[in-house]
Protein backbone atom coordinates (compact mmCIF):
# COMPACT_ATOMS: atom_id res chain seq x y z
CA UNK A 1 63.44 110.50 -19.44
CA UNK A 2 62.81 109.67 -15.80
CA UNK A 3 63.00 106.01 -14.83
CA UNK A 4 59.39 105.85 -13.63
CA UNK A 5 58.08 107.04 -17.01
CA UNK A 6 60.36 104.69 -18.95
CA UNK A 7 59.21 101.73 -16.84
CA UNK A 8 55.58 102.71 -17.36
CA UNK A 9 56.02 102.78 -21.14
CA UNK A 10 57.64 99.34 -21.14
CA UNK A 11 54.92 97.97 -18.82
CA UNK A 12 52.33 99.19 -21.33
CA UNK A 13 54.05 97.48 -24.26
CA UNK A 14 55.65 100.57 -25.81
CA UNK A 15 58.86 98.81 -26.82
CA UNK A 16 60.00 100.70 -29.90
CA UNK A 17 59.22 104.29 -30.91
CA UNK A 18 57.54 105.01 -34.23
CA UNK A 19 59.59 106.85 -36.85
CA UNK A 20 58.12 110.24 -35.91
CA UNK A 21 58.71 109.56 -32.20
CA UNK A 22 62.32 108.51 -32.75
CA UNK A 23 62.97 111.68 -34.73
CA UNK A 24 61.36 114.09 -32.25
CA UNK A 25 61.54 112.81 -28.66
CA UNK A 26 65.21 113.70 -28.15
CA UNK A 27 64.63 117.25 -29.37
CA UNK A 28 61.44 117.73 -27.34
CA UNK A 29 63.14 116.57 -24.16
CA UNK A 30 65.56 119.45 -24.72
CA UNK A 31 62.58 121.83 -24.44
CA UNK A 32 62.74 123.12 -28.00
CA UNK A 33 59.72 124.28 -29.94
CA UNK A 34 58.75 121.94 -32.74
CA UNK A 35 56.09 121.38 -35.37
CA UNK A 36 55.43 117.74 -36.21
CA UNK A 37 53.36 116.57 -39.16
CA UNK A 38 52.53 112.92 -39.74
CA UNK A 39 49.57 110.76 -40.68
CA UNK A 40 47.02 109.71 -38.08
CA UNK A 41 48.27 106.77 -36.02
CA UNK A 42 51.97 107.58 -36.34
CA UNK A 43 52.45 108.47 -32.68
CA UNK A 44 52.34 112.27 -32.60
CA UNK A 45 50.44 112.38 -29.30
CA UNK A 46 53.22 110.57 -27.46
CA UNK A 47 55.76 112.85 -29.17
CA UNK A 48 54.54 115.77 -27.10
CA UNK A 49 52.89 113.86 -24.27
CA UNK A 50 55.96 111.98 -23.05
CA UNK A 51 58.17 115.08 -22.68
CA UNK A 52 55.40 117.03 -20.92
CA UNK A 53 54.78 114.17 -18.47
CA UNK A 54 58.54 113.89 -17.90
CA UNK A 55 58.79 117.62 -17.16
CA UNK A 56 55.92 117.42 -14.63
CA UNK A 57 57.39 114.35 -12.87
CA UNK A 58 60.85 115.91 -12.63
CA UNK A 59 59.39 119.19 -11.39
CA UNK A 60 57.40 117.37 -8.68
CA UNK A 61 60.47 115.38 -7.58
CA UNK A 62 62.71 118.44 -7.53
CA UNK A 63 60.39 120.93 -5.85
CA UNK A 64 58.04 118.68 -3.88
CA UNK A 65 55.09 120.33 -5.63
CA UNK A 66 56.07 123.98 -5.17
CA UNK A 67 56.23 124.59 -8.93
CA UNK A 68 53.23 122.49 -9.96
CA UNK A 69 51.10 125.41 -11.10
CA UNK A 70 53.67 126.56 -13.68
CA UNK A 71 53.03 125.68 -17.31
CA UNK A 72 54.88 122.51 -18.28
CA UNK A 73 53.86 122.50 -21.92
CA UNK A 74 51.47 124.00 -24.39
CA UNK A 75 49.70 121.94 -27.03
CA UNK A 76 47.86 123.86 -29.71
CA UNK A 77 45.51 121.51 -31.58
CA UNK A 78 48.11 118.99 -32.79
CA UNK A 79 45.52 116.82 -34.54
CA UNK A 80 41.90 117.11 -35.61
CA UNK A 81 40.97 114.16 -33.36
CA UNK A 82 42.41 115.80 -30.24
CA UNK A 83 40.83 119.13 -31.12
CA UNK A 84 37.38 117.52 -31.17
């Protein structure tokens, strides 16, 4: 995870990952496909959101914006709340 993103999480009081986050973030940062199922409030949104944000930040730093229009991630209705 890029330093800027890690600092932002700490600044916003995200000190310790939830169980589902701890089990998935490492794999998602390796760009693998994954299905995650957990109860509402267990941190699924950050499970896919953090790696996607990290990919976009790294892409911007590496290419100075040349690759911005490429797809960084695809989220297909991970929860009912986000689908609404």
